[in-house]
Amino acid sequence: MLDQVTPLLITYNEACNIERTLGKLAWARRIVVIDSGSTDGTLEILAGCAQAEVAHRPFGDFASQCNFGLTLVTTTWVLSLDADYVLSDELIEELTTLHPSANTIGYRADFIYCIQGRALHGSLYPPRVVLFRTGSATYAQAGHAHRLEISGSVQDLRGRLYHDDRKPLARWLASQRAYAEDEAAYLLNGARLNRADRLRRMAWPAPLAALFYVLFVKRCILDGWPGWYYALQRLIAEGLLALEIIDRRLSGGGKR
């Protein structure tokens, strides 16, 4: 099965993450990387990985980068990863034993969320389809996030991935400001929103709800400072989004 899988990575200034990700992809014959203009040493690290083939493409949005990358995959299966995803040993072992039926077009995995390498009890990060048949799915942009559009039988993997982003806090804060603009536009103009997104569109309840949910429902209060760090991150991210939504409503640029 591993010979039929090509990992696909999207990178932009991921020097603090990419070595750990590549370290768990040593089994891959070829790794397709779409880079958006890294200047922090990411490309030098990738140059030291014999399997990595880097294509350079200016960033438009995540979905466009991923869809471009899919056109470069020639194996039956693609393992679509963010540059801060790290495969667990259990997941790698599971990939060696997979025997998908003809009807199976994808596999979904759960995540272990980490703060500076420390695993949390839980997070708001949802399971994702990370392994799927090449040509069977495409990505679509939804707010600041990208969503995989796939139709067919999707199975669950037992092994999990680590989400372990170690970029500096200042960069995270800058990213959240940009994400809030994209997400506000999506929520205020989206016709089909799930219950969580409808709560976020209300603006005021979401930041406090996120803080409570992360600390007590996801039990991150048991994780000490890493748990509080993550909970405060979610409070700030949802707070920036709430401010963006309220600002647009007050200025007449959004639905009430």
Protein backbone atom coordinates (compact mmCIF):
# COMPACT_ATOMS: atom_id res chain seq x y z
CA MET A 1 0.00 0.00 0.00
CA LEU A 2 2.79 2.47 0.85
CA ASP A 3 4.18 2.20 -2.69
CA GLN A 4 0.80 3.43 -3.96
CA VAL A 5 0.73 6.55 -1.73
CA THR A 6 2.24 9.99 -2.44
CA PRO A 7 2.29 12.53 0.42
CA LEU A 8 1.27 16.06 -0.62
CA LEU A 9 2.49 19.02 1.48
CA ILE A 10 1.65 22.73 1.27
CA THR A 11 4.42 24.94 2.67
CA TYR A 12 5.17 28.56 3.42
CA ASN A 13 7.90 29.35 5.96
CA GLU A 14 7.58 26.06 7.84
CA ALA A 15 11.20 25.66 8.96
CA CYS A 16 10.08 25.16 12.56
CA ASN A 17 7.78 22.28 11.56
CA ILE A 18 8.82 20.60 8.32
CA GLU A 19 11.67 18.42 9.63
CA ARG A 20 9.36 16.59 12.03
CA THR A 21 6.80 16.07 9.26
CA LEU A 22 9.40 14.73 6.81
CA GLY A 23 10.87 12.50 9.50
CA LYS A 24 7.72 10.38 9.49
CA LEU A 25 7.57 10.19 5.67
CA ALA A 26 10.84 8.31 5.15
CA TRP A 27 8.82 5.41 3.67
CA ALA A 28 7.54 7.52 0.76
CA ARG A 29 9.12 7.06 -2.67
CA ARG A 30 8.08 10.60 -3.66
CA ILE A 31 6.76 13.61 -1.73
CA VAL A 32 5.06 16.42 -3.64
CA VAL A 33 5.54 19.84 -2.04
CA ILE A 34 3.82 23.04 -3.18
CA ASP A 35 5.71 26.02 -1.77
CA SER A 36 4.37 29.58 -1.77
CA GLY A 37 7.67 31.45 -1.53
CA SER A 38 9.36 30.35 1.69
CA THR A 39 12.32 32.44 2.85
CA ASP A 40 13.02 31.02 6.33
CA GLY A 41 15.06 27.90 5.52
CA THR A 42 12.13 25.65 4.58
CA LEU A 43 13.48 25.11 1.06
CA GLU A 44 16.94 24.25 2.36
CA ILE A 45 15.46 21.58 4.64
CA LEU A 46 13.39 20.19 1.75
CA ALA A 47 16.52 20.10 -0.44
CA GLY A 48 18.03 17.68 2.05
CA CYS A 49 15.13 15.24 1.56
CA ALA A 50 15.82 13.08 -1.50
CA GLN A 51 12.14 12.16 -2.02
CA ALA A 52 10.81 15.73 -1.91
CA GLU A 53 9.94 17.37 -5.24
CA VAL A 54 9.16 21.06 -4.76
CA ALA A 55 6.89 23.03 -7.09
CA HIS A 56 6.75 26.80 -6.61
CA ARG A 57 3.39 28.54 -6.91
CA PRO A 58 2.23 31.96 -5.63
CA PHE A 59 -0.39 31.62 -2.92
CA GLY A 60 -4.00 32.37 -3.85
CA ASP A 61 -5.81 30.25 -1.29
CA PHE A 62 -5.33 26.86 0.33
CA ALA A 63 -7.80 25.06 -1.93
CA SER A 64 -6.05 26.26 -5.09
CA GLN A 65 -2.64 25.19 -3.77
CA CYS A 66 -3.95 21.73 -2.86
CA ASN A 67 -5.77 21.24 -6.17
CA PHE A 68 -2.62 22.21 -8.07
CA GLY A 69 -0.67 19.70 -6.01
CA LEU A 70 -3.16 16.94 -6.78
CA THR A 71 -2.42 17.35 -10.50
CA LEU A 72 1.21 16.38 -9.81
CA VAL A 73 0.40 13.12 -7.99
CA THR A 74 0.77 10.01 -10.16
CA THR A 75 0.10 7.22 -7.65
CA THR A 76 -3.29 5.65 -6.91
CA TRP A 77 -3.54 7.33 -3.49
CA VAL A 78 -2.60 10.73 -2.10
CA LEU A 79 -1.86 11.51 1.55
CA SER A 80 -2.79 15.19 1.88
CA LEU A 81 -1.01 16.86 4.81
CA ASP A 82 -0.43 20.28 6.30
CA ALA A 83 3.22 21.02 7.03
CA ASP A 84 2.60 20.74 10.78
CA TYR A 85 1.06 17.25 10.64
CA VAL A 86 3.19 14.41 12.02
CA LEU A 87 2.19 10.79 11.41
CA SER A 88 2.11 8.55 14.46
CA ASP A 89 3.98 5.24 14.33
CA GLU A 90 0.62 3.48 14.70
CA LEU A 91 -0.72 5.23 11.61
CA ILE A 92 2.35 4.36 9.54
CA GLU A 93 2.01 0.71 10.57
CA GLU A 94 -1.69 0.80 9.69
CA LEU A 95 -0.93 2.16 6.21
CA THR A 96 1.24 -0.88 5.52
CA THR A 97 -1.68 -3.23 6.21
CA LEU A 98 -4.54 -1.43 4.43
CA HIS A 99 -6.42 -3.41 1.79
CA PRO A 100 -9.09 -1.00 0.51
CA SER A 101 -12.05 -2.39 -1.36
CA ALA A 102 -12.89 -1.05 -4.79
CA ASN A 103 -15.67 1.03 -3.20
CA THR A 104 -13.42 2.74 -0.66
CA ILE A 105 -12.25 6.11 -1.90
CA GLY A 106 -10.89 7.68 1.27
CA TYR A 107 -9.78 7.33 4.87
CA ARG A 108 -10.46 9.72 7.75
CA ALA A 109 -8.07 10.28 10.66
CA ASP A 110 -8.34 11.81 14.14
CA PHE A 111 -5.74 14.23 15.49
CA ILE A 112 -3.79 14.64 18.69
CA TYR A 113 -3.33 18.38 19.16
CA CYS A 114 -0.01 19.52 20.59
CA ILE A 115 1.27 22.77 22.05
CA GLN A 116 5.06 22.99 21.66
CA GLY A 117 5.20 19.20 21.43
CA ARG A 118 2.96 18.58 24.46
CA ALA A 119 -0.13 16.51 23.62
CA LEU A 120 -3.48 17.83 24.90
CA HIS A 121 -6.43 15.82 26.18
CA GLY A 122 -8.58 17.23 23.36
CA SER A 123 -9.10 20.10 20.96
CA LEU A 124 -11.58 21.68 18.55
CA TYR A 125 -9.66 20.23 15.60
CA PRO A 126 -11.99 17.87 13.69
CA PRO A 127 -11.17 14.53 12.01
CA ARG A 128 -10.16 14.94 8.38
CA VAL A 129 -10.04 12.78 5.26
CA VAL A 130 -6.29 12.73 4.68
CA LEU A 131 -5.89 9.66 2.44
CA PHE A 132 -7.94 9.33 -0.73
CA ARG A 133 -7.84 8.02 -4.27
CA THR A 134 -6.16 10.40 -6.69
CA GLY A 135 -8.74 12.04 -8.92
CA SER A 136 -11.66 11.21 -6.61
CA ALA A 137 -11.82 14.51 -4.72
CA THR A 138 -11.08 18.22 -4.97
CA TYR A 139 -10.69 21.04 -2.47
CA ALA A 140 -12.99 24.06 -2.10
CA GLN A 141 -12.33 27.19 -0.08
CA ALA A 142 -14.71 27.87 2.84
CA GLY A 143 -13.78 31.02 4.72
CA HIS A 144 -10.12 30.80 5.63
CA ALA A 145 -10.23 26.98 5.61
CA HIS A 146 -10.19 24.50 2.76
CA ARG A 147 -12.71 21.68 2.59
CA LEU A 148 -12.31 18.37 0.76
CA GLU A 149 -15.24 17.58 -1.51
CA ILE A 150 -15.45 13.82 -1.80
CA SER A 151 -18.28 11.45 -2.63
CA GLY A 152 -18.15 7.74 -1.83
CA SER A 153 -17.22 5.34 0.94
CA VAL A 154 -14.86 6.84 3.53
CA GLN A 155 -13.41 4.62 6.27
CA ASP A 156 -11.93 5.59 9.63
CA LEU A 157 -8.27 4.99 10.44
CA ARG A 158 -7.30 3.76 13.89
CA GLY A 159 -3.93 5.50 13.89
CA ARG A 160 -3.86 9.24 14.49
CA LEU A 161 -1.83 12.24 13.40
CA TYR A 162 -0.22 14.87 15.59
CA HIS A 163 -1.05 18.50 14.87
CA ASP A 164 2.10 20.16 16.18
CA ASP A 165 2.53 23.73 14.94
CA ARG A 166 5.52 25.46 16.54
CA LYS A 167 5.51 28.74 14.63
CA PRO A 168 6.09 31.87 16.78
CA LEU A 169 3.13 33.42 18.60
CA ALA A 170 3.53 36.69 16.68
CA ARG A 171 3.01 34.89 13.39
CA TRP A 172 -0.03 33.07 14.77
CA LEU A 173 -1.57 36.38 15.84
CA ALA A 174 -0.96 37.95 12.43
CA SER A 175 -2.50 34.95 10.71
CA GLN A 176 -5.60 35.06 12.90
CA ARG A 177 -6.25 38.66 11.92
CA ALA A 178 -6.25 37.71 8.26
CA TYR A 179 -8.28 34.56 8.93
CA ALA A 180 -10.94 36.60 10.76
CA GLU A 181 -11.58 38.71 7.66
CA ASP A 182 -12.04 35.67 5.41
CA GLU A 183 -14.14 33.81 7.97
CA ALA A 184 -16.41 36.79 8.65
CA ALA A 185 -17.14 37.18 4.95
CA TYR A 186 -17.96 33.47 4.74
CA LEU A 187 -20.22 33.42 7.80
CA LEU A 188 -22.11 36.59 6.92
CA ASN A 189 -22.77 35.49 3.35
CA GLY A 190 -22.96 31.72 3.75
CA ALA A 191 -26.31 30.14 2.99
CA ARG A 192 -25.51 26.71 4.39
CA LEU A 193 -24.00 26.95 7.86
CA ASN A 194 -23.86 24.25 10.51
CA ARG A 195 -24.91 24.88 14.11
CA ALA A 196 -21.42 25.85 15.25
CA ASP A 197 -21.04 28.36 12.42
CA ARG A 198 -24.44 29.87 13.18
CA LEU A 199 -23.28 30.39 16.77
CA ARG A 200 -20.09 32.03 15.52
CA ARG A 201 -22.13 34.32 13.26
CA MET A 202 -23.96 35.63 16.34
CA ALA A 203 -20.51 36.94 17.38
CA TRP A 204 -20.80 37.57 21.13
CA PRO A 205 -21.34 34.01 22.50
CA ALA A 206 -18.63 32.23 20.49
CA PRO A 207 -15.43 33.41 22.27
CA LEU A 208 -16.70 32.52 25.75
CA ALA A 209 -18.26 29.28 24.49
CA ALA A 210 -14.95 28.25 22.91
CA LEU A 211 -13.04 28.95 26.14
CA PHE A 212 -15.48 26.94 28.28
CA TYR A 213 -15.71 24.08 25.77
CA VAL A 214 -11.96 23.68 25.41
CA LEU A 215 -11.22 23.84 29.13
CA PHE A 216 -14.03 21.70 30.50
CA VAL A 217 -15.61 19.60 27.74
CA LYS A 218 -12.32 18.82 25.99
CA ARG A 219 -10.61 18.67 29.42
CA CYS A 220 -7.68 20.87 28.48
CA ILE A 221 -7.77 22.30 32.00
CA LEU A 222 -6.04 19.05 32.98
CA ASP A 223 -3.10 19.89 30.70
CA GLY A 224 -1.76 22.78 32.77
CA TRP A 225 -0.21 25.73 30.92
CA PRO A 226 -0.34 24.06 27.48
CA GLY A 227 -4.09 23.59 27.97
CA TRP A 228 -4.58 27.19 29.04
CA TYR A 229 -2.42 28.38 26.13
CA TYR A 230 -4.63 26.54 23.64
CA ALA A 231 -7.85 27.70 25.33
CA LEU A 232 -6.69 31.33 25.23
CA GLN A 233 -5.70 30.92 21.58
CA ARG A 234 -9.24 29.85 20.76
CA LEU A 235 -10.66 32.71 22.85
CA ILE A 236 -8.53 35.24 20.94
CA ALA A 237 -9.26 33.70 17.52
CA GLU A 238 -13.01 33.69 18.13
CA GLY A 239 -12.79 37.16 19.68
CA LEU A 240 -11.10 38.59 16.58
CA LEU A 241 -13.76 36.96 14.43
CA ALA A 242 -16.55 38.36 16.61
CA LEU A 243 -15.04 41.86 16.38
CA GLU A 244 -14.79 41.56 12.60
CA ILE A 245 -18.44 40.48 12.32
CA ILE A 246 -19.68 43.24 14.65
CA ASP A 247 -17.58 45.84 12.83
CA ARG A 248 -19.06 44.85 9.49
CA ARG A 249 -22.58 44.99 10.87
CA LEU A 250 -22.04 48.41 12.43
CA SER A 251 -20.55 49.77 9.21
CA GLY A 252 -23.32 48.27 7.09
CA GLY A 253 -21.07 45.73 5.43
CA GLY A 254 -22.67 42.58 6.78
CA LYS A 255 -26.02 40.96 7.50
CA ARG A 256 -27.57 41.64 10.89
